[in-house]
């Protein structure tokens, strides 16, 4: 679906960018790189290392989903540098955030458009936030710093349609409650049940 959508835009696909190493964000690269062979996959070096080292294990855990899961790991081939960059006239600023939803996370700003590409650092108020990494406090600190950035009214997120700055407080509240539940839980199953 993503490849078909990109094709209908009738614009060249030159780069595929991976925000973080969770397989729900990279297992589709098998399809995207086949449809757009000229486009290389870009990621932060730390993200690439996790995919290279643990990608096969991650795919193995997804086998119950059958043919919806990639048959091979696509390791990013290009490194993204942190800082401002120009992409065909568009100005982006890449930032790296450790210990949020993932152990390492890319975030990008489009300052002229006042759009924040927060990916899985921010979740819409109605969405479940993935807290497997357990970085509750640092993740909240990251969200507070993003929330303090003025003018970014459109937040592009990884698991829903673009949202607005209300998602910062919603994600922070969710994480604070999840931290309490985690501290009271005996194991992963009891944590998941209580969180639901």
N, C-alpha and C. Protein backbone atom coordinates (compact mmCIF):
# COMPACT_ATOMS: atom_id res chain seq x y z
N UNK A 1 0.82 -1.20 0.00
CA UNK A 1 0.00 0.00 0.00
C UNK A 1 0.86 1.26 0.00
N UNK A 2 1.92 1.26 0.79
CA UNK A 2 2.80 2.43 0.84
C UNK A 2 3.48 2.65 -0.50
N UNK A 3 3.92 1.57 -1.14
CA UNK A 3 4.57 1.68 -2.45
C UNK A 3 3.59 2.21 -3.49
N UNK A 4 2.37 1.72 -3.47
CA UNK A 4 1.36 2.18 -4.43
C UNK A 4 1.05 3.65 -4.22
N UNK A 5 0.95 4.07 -2.96
CA UNK A 5 0.70 5.48 -2.66
C UNK A 5 1.84 6.35 -3.16
N UNK A 6 3.07 5.92 -2.90
CA UNK A 6 4.24 6.70 -3.35
C UNK A 6 4.26 6.82 -4.86
N UNK A 7 3.92 5.74 -5.56
CA UNK A 7 3.90 5.78 -7.04
C UNK A 7 2.85 6.76 -7.56
N UNK A 8 1.69 6.81 -6.92
CA UNK A 8 0.63 7.68 -7.42
C UNK A 8 0.96 9.15 -7.25
N UNK A 9 1.93 9.48 -6.40
CA UNK A 9 2.36 10.87 -6.26
C UNK A 9 3.13 11.33 -7.49
N UNK A 10 3.61 10.36 -8.29
CA UNK A 10 4.32 10.64 -9.53
C UNK A 10 5.54 11.54 -9.29
N UNK A 11 6.26 11.23 -8.21
CA UNK A 11 7.51 11.93 -7.90
C UNK A 11 8.58 10.87 -7.67
N UNK A 12 9.82 11.19 -7.95
CA UNK A 12 10.87 10.18 -7.76
C UNK A 12 11.07 9.84 -6.28
N UNK A 13 11.28 8.58 -5.99
CA UNK A 13 11.63 8.13 -4.64
C UNK A 13 13.13 7.91 -4.64
N UNK A 14 13.85 8.79 -3.95
CA UNK A 14 15.31 8.75 -3.96
C UNK A 14 15.89 8.17 -2.68
N UNK A 15 15.13 8.27 -1.58
CA UNK A 15 15.62 7.78 -0.29
C UNK A 15 14.47 7.14 0.46
N UNK A 16 14.82 6.11 1.19
CA UNK A 16 13.89 5.51 2.15
C UNK A 16 14.57 5.69 3.50
N UNK A 17 13.87 6.31 4.44
CA UNK A 17 14.48 6.66 5.73
C UNK A 17 13.84 5.83 6.83
N UNK A 18 14.70 5.20 7.63
CA UNK A 18 14.27 4.40 8.77
C UNK A 18 14.44 5.21 10.04
N UNK A 19 13.35 5.36 10.80
CA UNK A 19 13.40 6.18 12.02
C UNK A 19 14.01 5.46 13.21
N UNK A 20 13.75 4.15 13.34
CA UNK A 20 14.28 3.40 14.47
C UNK A 20 14.22 1.90 14.15
N UNK A 21 14.86 1.05 14.94
CA UNK A 21 15.07 -0.34 14.52
C UNK A 21 13.93 -1.32 14.78
N UNK A 22 12.77 -0.88 15.16
CA UNK A 22 11.68 -1.83 15.39
C UNK A 22 11.18 -2.38 14.06
N UNK A 23 10.92 -3.70 13.99
CA UNK A 23 10.62 -4.33 12.70
C UNK A 23 9.34 -3.86 12.03
N UNK A 24 8.40 -3.32 12.78
CA UNK A 24 7.20 -2.80 12.12
C UNK A 24 7.53 -1.56 11.29
N UNK A 25 8.73 -1.01 11.45
CA UNK A 25 9.15 0.14 10.66
C UNK A 25 10.12 -0.22 9.54
N UNK A 26 10.69 -1.42 9.55
CA UNK A 26 11.61 -1.77 8.46
C UNK A 26 11.27 -3.06 7.71
N UNK A 27 10.38 -3.87 8.20
CA UNK A 27 10.15 -5.14 7.51
C UNK A 27 9.49 -4.93 6.14
N UNK A 28 8.86 -3.80 5.90
CA UNK A 28 8.30 -3.51 4.60
C UNK A 28 9.32 -3.06 3.57
N UNK A 29 10.57 -2.86 3.98
CA UNK A 29 11.59 -2.41 3.04
C UNK A 29 11.86 -3.43 1.94
N UNK A 30 11.57 -4.69 2.22
CA UNK A 30 11.75 -5.71 1.18
C UNK A 30 10.90 -5.34 -0.04
N UNK A 31 9.68 -4.89 0.19
CA UNK A 31 8.79 -4.49 -0.89
C UNK A 31 9.22 -3.14 -1.46
N UNK A 32 9.47 -2.17 -0.60
CA UNK A 32 9.79 -0.82 -1.08
C UNK A 32 11.07 -0.79 -1.90
N UNK A 33 12.11 -1.52 -1.48
CA UNK A 33 13.36 -1.51 -2.24
C UNK A 33 13.20 -2.24 -3.58
N UNK A 34 12.29 -3.20 -3.66
CA UNK A 34 12.03 -3.87 -4.95
C UNK A 34 11.28 -2.93 -5.89
N UNK A 35 10.32 -2.16 -5.36
CA UNK A 35 9.54 -1.24 -6.20
C UNK A 35 10.34 0.00 -6.59
N UNK A 36 11.28 0.40 -5.72
CA UNK A 36 12.07 1.61 -5.97
C UNK A 36 13.56 1.26 -5.85
N UNK A 37 14.09 0.51 -6.80
CA UNK A 37 15.47 0.01 -6.68
C UNK A 37 16.53 1.11 -6.66
N UNK A 38 16.20 2.29 -7.15
CA UNK A 38 17.15 3.40 -7.14
C UNK A 38 17.26 4.05 -5.76
N UNK A 39 16.33 3.77 -4.87
CA UNK A 39 16.29 4.42 -3.56
C UNK A 39 17.06 3.59 -2.53
N UNK A 40 18.03 4.23 -1.90
CA UNK A 40 18.78 3.54 -0.84
C UNK A 40 18.11 3.82 0.50
N UNK A 41 18.31 2.89 1.42
CA UNK A 41 17.74 3.02 2.76
C UNK A 41 18.74 3.75 3.65
N UNK A 42 18.28 4.83 4.27
CA UNK A 42 19.11 5.66 5.13
C UNK A 42 18.65 5.51 6.59
N UNK A 43 19.60 5.54 7.51
CA UNK A 43 19.28 5.48 8.94
C UNK A 43 20.46 6.02 9.75
N UNK A 44 20.17 6.35 10.99
CA UNK A 44 21.26 6.68 11.91
C UNK A 44 22.16 5.45 12.06
N UNK A 45 23.48 5.62 12.20
CA UNK A 45 24.36 4.47 12.33
C UNK A 45 23.96 3.50 13.44
N UNK A 46 23.51 4.02 14.58
CA UNK A 46 23.12 3.13 15.68
C UNK A 46 21.89 2.31 15.32
N UNK A 47 20.98 2.88 14.53
CA UNK A 47 19.79 2.15 14.08
C UNK A 47 20.21 1.02 13.14
N UNK A 48 21.11 1.34 12.21
CA UNK A 48 21.60 0.33 11.27
C UNK A 48 22.25 -0.83 12.01
N UNK A 49 23.03 -0.53 13.03
CA UNK A 49 23.71 -1.60 13.77
C UNK A 49 22.73 -2.54 14.45
N UNK A 50 21.66 -2.00 15.01
CA UNK A 50 20.66 -2.87 15.65
C UNK A 50 19.98 -3.75 14.62
N UNK A 51 19.62 -3.19 13.47
CA UNK A 51 18.97 -3.99 12.42
C UNK A 51 19.93 -5.08 11.95
N UNK A 52 21.19 -4.74 11.75
CA UNK A 52 22.18 -5.71 11.29
C UNK A 52 22.36 -6.83 12.33
N UNK A 53 22.47 -6.46 13.58
CA UNK A 53 22.77 -7.44 14.63
C UNK A 53 21.56 -8.28 15.03
N UNK A 54 20.37 -7.71 15.03
CA UNK A 54 19.21 -8.41 15.59
C UNK A 54 18.04 -8.58 14.63
N UNK A 55 18.20 -8.16 13.39
CA UNK A 55 17.09 -8.22 12.44
C UNK A 55 16.53 -9.61 12.23
N UNK A 56 17.39 -10.60 12.08
CA UNK A 56 16.92 -11.98 11.87
C UNK A 56 16.12 -12.48 13.07
N UNK A 57 16.57 -12.16 14.26
CA UNK A 57 15.86 -12.58 15.48
C UNK A 57 14.49 -11.91 15.53
N UNK A 58 14.45 -10.62 15.19
CA UNK A 58 13.17 -9.90 15.19
C UNK A 58 12.19 -10.51 14.20
N UNK A 59 12.67 -10.80 12.99
CA UNK A 59 11.78 -11.41 11.99
C UNK A 59 11.29 -12.78 12.46
N UNK A 60 12.16 -13.52 13.10
CA UNK A 60 11.78 -14.85 13.59
C UNK A 60 10.63 -14.78 14.57
N UNK A 61 10.59 -13.75 15.40
CA UNK A 61 9.52 -13.60 16.38
C UNK A 61 8.19 -13.21 15.72
N UNK A 62 8.26 -12.74 14.48
CA UNK A 62 7.05 -12.31 13.77
C UNK A 62 6.48 -13.39 12.86
N UNK A 63 7.07 -14.56 12.84
CA UNK A 63 6.62 -15.61 11.94
C UNK A 63 5.16 -16.01 12.11
N UNK A 64 4.54 -15.90 13.29
CA UNK A 64 3.11 -16.20 13.39
C UNK A 64 2.23 -15.36 12.46
N UNK A 65 2.76 -14.23 11.97
CA UNK A 65 1.99 -13.39 11.06
C UNK A 65 2.08 -13.87 9.62
N UNK A 66 2.83 -14.93 9.38
CA UNK A 66 2.89 -15.56 8.06
C UNK A 66 3.48 -14.68 6.98
N UNK A 67 2.85 -14.68 5.80
CA UNK A 67 3.42 -13.99 4.65
C UNK A 67 3.27 -12.47 4.71
N UNK A 68 2.72 -11.96 5.80
CA UNK A 68 2.66 -10.51 6.00
C UNK A 68 4.02 -9.98 6.48
N UNK A 69 4.92 -10.90 6.83
CA UNK A 69 6.23 -10.53 7.37
C UNK A 69 7.28 -10.70 6.28
N UNK A 70 8.26 -9.83 6.26
CA UNK A 70 9.34 -9.91 5.28
C UNK A 70 10.05 -11.26 5.37
N UNK A 71 10.58 -11.69 4.24
CA UNK A 71 11.34 -12.95 4.22
C UNK A 71 12.82 -12.72 4.48
N UNK A 72 13.24 -11.45 4.42
CA UNK A 72 14.65 -11.14 4.67
C UNK A 72 14.78 -9.77 5.33
N UNK A 73 15.92 -9.56 5.95
CA UNK A 73 16.22 -8.29 6.60
C UNK A 73 16.83 -7.35 5.58
N UNK A 74 16.34 -6.12 5.52
CA UNK A 74 16.93 -5.08 4.67
C UNK A 74 17.69 -4.13 5.59
N UNK A 75 19.01 -4.22 5.55
CA UNK A 75 19.86 -3.39 6.39
C UNK A 75 20.09 -2.05 5.67
N UNK A 76 19.90 -0.93 6.36
CA UNK A 76 20.17 0.37 5.73
C UNK A 76 21.59 0.43 5.18
N UNK A 77 21.74 1.09 4.03
CA UNK A 77 23.05 1.15 3.37
C UNK A 77 23.69 2.53 3.45
N UNK A 78 22.95 3.52 3.91
CA UNK A 78 23.47 4.88 4.01
C UNK A 78 23.23 5.45 5.41
N UNK A 79 24.18 6.24 5.89
CA UNK A 79 24.07 6.84 7.21
C UNK A 79 23.44 8.23 7.11
N UNK A 80 22.54 8.51 8.03
CA UNK A 80 21.97 9.85 8.17
C UNK A 80 22.81 10.61 9.18
N UNK A 81 23.16 11.82 8.85
CA UNK A 81 23.88 12.68 9.77
C UNK A 81 22.89 13.56 10.52
N UNK A 82 23.16 13.77 11.78
CA UNK A 82 22.33 14.66 12.59
C UNK A 82 22.63 16.09 12.16
N UNK A 83 21.57 16.92 12.13
CA UNK A 83 21.74 18.32 11.78
C UNK A 83 20.90 18.71 10.58
N UNK A 84 21.00 19.97 10.16
CA UNK A 84 20.19 20.45 9.02
C UNK A 84 20.73 19.94 7.69
N UNK A 85 19.80 19.63 6.79
CA UNK A 85 20.15 19.15 5.46
C UNK A 85 19.09 19.62 4.47
N UNK A 86 19.48 19.73 3.21
CA UNK A 86 18.55 20.08 2.14
C UNK A 86 18.25 18.85 1.31
N UNK A 87 16.97 18.61 1.03
CA UNK A 87 16.52 17.53 0.17
C UNK A 87 15.72 18.14 -0.96
N UNK A 88 16.34 18.29 -2.10
CA UNK A 88 15.65 18.81 -3.28
C UNK A 88 14.90 20.11 -2.96
N UNK A 89 15.57 21.00 -2.27
CA UNK A 89 14.98 22.29 -1.94
C UNK A 89 14.22 22.34 -0.62
N UNK A 90 13.95 21.19 -0.03
CA UNK A 90 13.27 21.16 1.27
C UNK A 90 14.31 21.10 2.38
N UNK A 91 14.13 21.91 3.39
CA UNK A 91 15.06 21.96 4.52
C UNK A 91 14.56 21.03 5.61
N UNK A 92 15.40 20.09 6.03
CA UNK A 92 15.08 19.20 7.15
C UNK A 92 16.18 19.32 8.19
N UNK A 93 15.80 19.12 9.43
CA UNK A 93 16.79 19.02 10.50
C UNK A 93 16.59 17.68 11.19
N UNK A 94 17.61 16.83 11.15
CA UNK A 94 17.55 15.52 11.78
C UNK A 94 18.11 15.60 13.19
N UNK A 95 17.44 14.91 14.10
CA UNK A 95 17.90 14.82 15.49
C UNK A 95 17.88 13.36 15.93
N UNK A 96 18.75 13.03 16.84
CA UNK A 96 18.83 11.68 17.39
C UNK A 96 18.46 11.72 18.87
N UNK A 97 17.53 10.85 19.25
CA UNK A 97 17.10 10.77 20.65
C UNK A 97 17.29 9.35 21.16
N UNK A 98 18.16 9.17 22.15
CA UNK A 98 18.29 7.83 22.75
C UNK A 98 17.27 7.64 23.87
N UNK A 99 16.94 6.39 24.10
CA UNK A 99 16.14 5.97 25.26
C UNK A 99 14.75 6.62 25.32
N UNK A 100 14.03 6.49 24.21
CA UNK A 100 12.62 6.88 24.17
C UNK A 100 11.79 5.63 23.96
N UNK A 101 10.96 5.63 22.93
CA UNK A 101 10.17 4.43 22.62
C UNK A 101 11.09 3.30 22.20
N UNK A 102 12.21 3.67 21.60
CA UNK A 102 13.25 2.73 21.18
C UNK A 102 14.56 3.14 21.86
N UNK A 103 15.55 2.26 21.80
CA UNK A 103 16.85 2.62 22.37
C UNK A 103 17.49 3.78 21.63
N UNK A 104 17.18 3.90 20.33
CA UNK A 104 17.66 5.04 19.54
C UNK A 104 16.56 5.39 18.54
N UNK A 105 16.36 6.70 18.33
CA UNK A 105 15.24 7.16 17.51
C UNK A 105 15.66 8.39 16.71
N UNK A 106 15.33 8.39 15.43
CA UNK A 106 15.50 9.56 14.59
C UNK A 106 14.24 10.41 14.68
N UNK A 107 14.42 11.72 14.66
CA UNK A 107 13.31 12.65 14.58
C UNK A 107 13.73 13.72 13.58
N UNK A 108 12.77 14.25 12.83
CA UNK A 108 13.10 15.27 11.83
C UNK A 108 12.14 16.43 11.93
N UNK A 109 12.66 17.61 11.65
CA UNK A 109 11.86 18.83 11.62
C UNK A 109 11.87 19.39 10.21
N UNK A 110 10.74 19.88 9.78
CA UNK A 110 10.63 20.69 8.57
C UNK A 110 10.35 22.11 9.06
N UNK A 111 11.39 22.89 9.35
CA UNK A 111 11.17 24.18 10.02
C UNK A 111 10.36 25.18 9.21
N UNK A 112 10.52 25.21 7.89
CA UNK A 112 9.76 26.18 7.09
C UNK A 112 8.27 25.85 7.06
N UNK A 113 7.94 24.56 7.12
CA UNK A 113 6.54 24.13 7.11
C UNK A 113 5.98 23.99 8.52
N UNK A 114 6.85 24.08 9.54
CA UNK A 114 6.47 23.90 10.95
C UNK A 114 5.84 22.52 11.16
N UNK A 115 6.48 21.50 10.59
CA UNK A 115 6.03 20.12 10.73
C UNK A 115 7.12 19.34 11.45
N UNK A 116 6.71 18.56 12.43
CA UNK A 116 7.61 17.70 13.19
C UNK A 116 7.33 16.25 12.80
N UNK A 117 8.37 15.54 12.38
CA UNK A 117 8.27 14.12 12.08
C UNK A 117 8.77 13.38 13.32
N UNK A 118 7.85 13.09 14.23
CA UNK A 118 8.21 12.52 15.53
C UNK A 118 8.23 11.00 15.54
N UNK A 119 7.63 10.39 14.54
CA UNK A 119 7.58 8.93 14.43
C UNK A 119 7.06 8.32 15.73
N UNK A 120 7.78 7.39 16.36
CA UNK A 120 7.25 6.71 17.54
C UNK A 120 7.64 7.37 18.87
N UNK A 121 8.08 8.60 18.83
CA UNK A 121 8.27 9.32 20.08
C UNK A 121 6.95 9.86 20.60
N UNK A 122 5.98 10.06 19.71
CA UNK A 122 4.69 10.67 20.05
C UNK A 122 3.57 9.77 19.55
N UNK A 123 2.53 9.62 20.36
CA UNK A 123 1.36 8.83 20.00
C UNK A 123 0.11 9.70 20.15
N UNK A 124 -0.85 9.48 19.27
CA UNK A 124 -2.10 10.23 19.34
C UNK A 124 -2.82 9.89 20.65
N UNK A 125 -3.64 10.80 21.15
CA UNK A 125 -4.31 10.57 22.44
C UNK A 125 -5.11 9.27 22.52
N UNK A 126 -5.61 8.76 21.42
CA UNK A 126 -6.43 7.54 21.47
C UNK A 126 -5.62 6.26 21.26
N UNK A 127 -4.30 6.39 21.08
CA UNK A 127 -3.46 5.24 20.71
C UNK A 127 -2.69 4.66 21.88
N UNK A 128 -2.41 3.36 21.75
CA UNK A 128 -1.54 2.64 22.68
C UNK A 128 -0.09 2.99 22.35
N UNK A 129 0.68 3.38 23.34
CA UNK A 129 2.12 3.65 23.15
C UNK A 129 2.90 2.39 23.50
N UNK A 130 3.88 2.06 22.68
CA UNK A 130 4.68 0.86 22.91
C UNK A 130 5.78 1.18 23.92
N UNK A 131 5.76 0.48 25.04
CA UNK A 131 6.68 0.78 26.13
C UNK A 131 7.63 -0.38 26.42
N UNK A 132 7.96 -1.15 25.41
CA UNK A 132 8.80 -2.33 25.61
C UNK A 132 10.19 -2.00 26.10
N UNK A 133 10.74 -0.85 25.69
CA UNK A 133 12.10 -0.50 26.08
C UNK A 133 12.18 -0.05 27.54
N UNK A 134 11.08 0.42 28.10
CA UNK A 134 11.06 0.79 29.52
C UNK A 134 11.78 2.07 29.87
N UNK A 135 11.98 2.96 28.91
CA UNK A 135 12.68 4.22 29.16
C UNK A 135 11.69 5.33 29.54
N UNK A 136 10.88 5.10 30.55
CA UNK A 136 9.79 6.02 30.87
C UNK A 136 10.26 7.44 31.14
N UNK A 137 11.19 7.60 32.08
CA UNK A 137 11.59 8.95 32.50
C UNK A 137 12.28 9.73 31.39
N UNK A 138 13.22 9.10 30.71
CA UNK A 138 13.93 9.81 29.65
C UNK A 138 13.00 10.14 28.49
N UNK A 139 12.08 9.23 28.19
CA UNK A 139 11.10 9.47 27.12
C UNK A 139 10.25 10.69 27.46
N UNK A 140 9.82 10.81 28.71
CA UNK A 140 9.04 11.99 29.12
C UNK A 140 9.89 13.26 28.98
N UNK A 141 11.16 13.18 29.34
CA UNK A 141 12.06 14.33 29.18
C UNK A 141 12.16 14.75 27.72
N UNK A 142 12.27 13.78 26.82
CA UNK A 142 12.30 14.07 25.38
C UNK A 142 11.01 14.77 24.96
N UNK A 143 9.88 14.24 25.40
CA UNK A 143 8.59 14.82 25.02
C UNK A 143 8.44 16.25 25.53
N UNK A 144 8.91 16.50 26.74
CA UNK A 144 8.85 17.86 27.28
C UNK A 144 9.67 18.82 26.42
N UNK A 145 10.85 18.36 25.95
CA UNK A 145 11.68 19.23 25.11
C UNK A 145 11.03 19.46 23.75
N UNK A 146 10.38 18.44 23.19
CA UNK A 146 9.70 18.61 21.90
C UNK A 146 8.48 19.53 22.05
N UNK A 147 7.77 19.36 23.14
CA UNK A 147 6.59 20.19 23.41
C UNK A 147 6.97 21.67 23.54
N UNK A 148 8.17 21.94 24.03
CA UNK A 148 8.62 23.32 24.24
C UNK A 148 9.04 24.01 22.95
N UNK A 149 9.09 23.28 21.84
CA UNK A 149 9.48 23.88 20.56
C UNK A 149 8.27 24.62 19.99
N UNK A 150 8.35 25.93 19.83
CA UNK A 150 7.17 26.70 19.40
C UNK A 150 6.87 26.52 17.91
N UNK A 151 5.58 26.55 17.60
CA UNK A 151 5.14 26.62 16.22
C UNK A 151 4.91 25.32 15.50
N UNK A 152 5.30 24.21 16.06
CA UNK A 152 5.13 22.93 15.37
C UNK A 152 3.74 22.38 15.69
N UNK A 153 2.78 22.73 14.84
CA UNK A 153 1.38 22.35 15.08
C UNK A 153 0.99 21.05 14.40
N UNK A 154 1.80 20.58 13.46
CA UNK A 154 1.53 19.31 12.79
C UNK A 154 2.61 18.33 13.20
N UNK A 155 2.18 17.23 13.82
CA UNK A 155 3.11 16.21 14.29
C UNK A 155 2.83 14.93 13.51
N UNK A 156 3.80 14.51 12.70
CA UNK A 156 3.67 13.26 11.95
C UNK A 156 4.18 12.14 12.85
N UNK A 157 3.32 11.14 13.05
CA UNK A 157 3.64 10.07 13.99
C UNK A 157 3.67 8.72 13.27
N UNK A 158 4.19 7.72 13.94
CA UNK A 158 4.42 6.44 13.30
C UNK A 158 3.24 5.51 13.24
N UNK A 159 2.22 5.70 14.07
CA UNK A 159 1.15 4.71 14.15
C UNK A 159 -0.25 5.29 13.98
N UNK A 160 -0.35 6.43 13.35
CA UNK A 160 -1.67 7.02 13.13
C UNK A 160 -1.49 8.19 12.16
N UNK A 161 -2.58 8.85 11.85
CA UNK A 161 -2.51 10.03 11.00
C UNK A 161 -1.84 11.17 11.76
N UNK A 162 -1.36 12.20 11.04
CA UNK A 162 -0.73 13.33 11.74
C UNK A 162 -1.65 13.88 12.83
N UNK A 163 -1.02 14.37 13.88
CA UNK A 163 -1.76 14.85 15.04
C UNK A 163 -1.30 16.26 15.38
N UNK A 164 -1.70 16.74 16.53
CA UNK A 164 -1.36 18.10 16.95
C UNK A 164 -0.64 18.05 18.29
N UNK A 165 -0.21 19.20 18.81
CA UNK A 165 0.57 19.20 20.06
C UNK A 165 -0.13 18.61 21.28
N UNK A 166 -1.45 18.40 21.25
CA UNK A 166 -2.11 17.75 22.39
C UNK A 166 -1.57 16.34 22.61
N UNK A 167 -0.97 15.77 21.57
CA UNK A 167 -0.42 14.42 21.69
C UNK A 167 0.77 14.36 22.64
N UNK A 168 1.47 15.48 22.83
CA UNK A 168 2.59 15.47 23.78
C UNK A 168 2.09 15.15 25.19
N UNK A 169 1.09 15.91 25.65
CA UNK A 169 0.56 15.68 27.00
C UNK A 169 -0.09 14.31 27.11
N UNK A 170 -0.77 13.88 26.06
CA UNK A 170 -1.41 12.56 26.09
C UNK A 170 -0.37 11.45 26.22
N UNK A 171 0.72 11.56 25.49
CA UNK A 171 1.77 10.53 25.57
C UNK A 171 2.46 10.58 26.92
N UNK A 172 2.70 11.77 27.44
CA UNK A 172 3.33 11.90 28.76
C UNK A 172 2.43 11.28 29.83
N UNK A 173 1.14 11.56 29.80
CA UNK A 173 0.22 10.98 30.78
C UNK A 173 0.20 9.46 30.67
N UNK A 174 0.19 8.96 29.45
CA UNK A 174 0.20 7.51 29.23
C UNK A 174 1.47 6.90 29.82
N UNK A 175 2.62 7.52 29.55
CA UNK A 175 3.89 6.98 30.05
C UNK A 175 3.98 7.01 31.57
N UNK A 176 3.48 8.08 32.18
CA UNK A 176 3.50 8.15 33.64
C UNK A 176 2.65 7.05 34.25
N UNK A 177 1.49 6.80 33.66
CA UNK A 177 0.64 5.71 34.16
C UNK A 177 1.28 4.35 33.88
N UNK A 178 1.86 4.19 32.71
CA UNK A 178 2.52 2.93 32.37
C UNK A 178 3.69 2.64 33.31
N UNK A 179 4.41 3.68 33.71
CA UNK A 179 5.52 3.50 34.65
C UNK A 179 5.01 2.98 35.99
N UNK A 180 3.89 3.53 36.46
CA UNK A 180 3.29 3.06 37.72
C UNK A 180 2.87 1.60 37.61
N UNK A 181 2.20 1.27 36.51
CA UNK A 181 1.74 -0.11 36.30
C UNK A 181 2.92 -1.06 36.21
N UNK A 182 3.97 -0.64 35.51
CA UNK A 182 5.16 -1.47 35.36
C UNK A 182 5.78 -1.79 36.71
N UNK A 183 5.86 -0.78 37.58
CA UNK A 183 6.46 -0.97 38.91
C UNK A 183 5.65 -1.94 39.77
N UNK A 184 4.34 -2.01 39.53
CA UNK A 184 3.46 -2.89 40.31
C UNK A 184 3.32 -4.29 39.71
N UNK A 185 3.84 -4.50 38.50
CA UNK A 185 3.61 -5.76 37.78
C UNK A 185 4.67 -6.80 38.12
N UNK A 186 4.23 -8.05 38.13
CA UNK A 186 5.12 -9.16 38.45
C UNK A 186 5.92 -9.63 37.23
N UNK A 187 5.32 -9.51 36.04
CA UNK A 187 5.97 -9.98 34.83
C UNK A 187 5.35 -9.27 33.63
N UNK A 188 5.83 -9.62 32.43
CA UNK A 188 5.36 -8.97 31.22
C UNK A 188 3.87 -9.16 30.99
N UNK A 189 3.37 -10.36 31.29
CA UNK A 189 1.95 -10.64 31.06
C UNK A 189 1.06 -9.80 31.97
N UNK A 190 1.44 -9.71 33.25
CA UNK A 190 0.61 -8.91 34.17
C UNK A 190 0.70 -7.43 33.82
N UNK A 191 1.87 -6.99 33.36
CA UNK A 191 2.02 -5.60 32.92
C UNK A 191 1.09 -5.31 31.74
N UNK A 192 1.13 -6.19 30.73
CA UNK A 192 0.29 -5.98 29.55
C UNK A 192 -1.19 -5.99 29.91
N UNK A 193 -1.59 -6.91 30.77
CA UNK A 193 -3.01 -7.00 31.15
C UNK A 193 -3.45 -5.75 31.89
N UNK A 194 -2.66 -5.29 32.83
CA UNK A 194 -3.01 -4.10 33.61
C UNK A 194 -3.01 -2.85 32.72
N UNK A 195 -2.08 -2.79 31.79
CA UNK A 195 -2.01 -1.64 30.89
C UNK A 195 -3.24 -1.58 29.98
N UNK A 196 -3.70 -2.73 29.50
CA UNK A 196 -4.91 -2.77 28.68
C UNK A 196 -6.11 -2.34 29.49
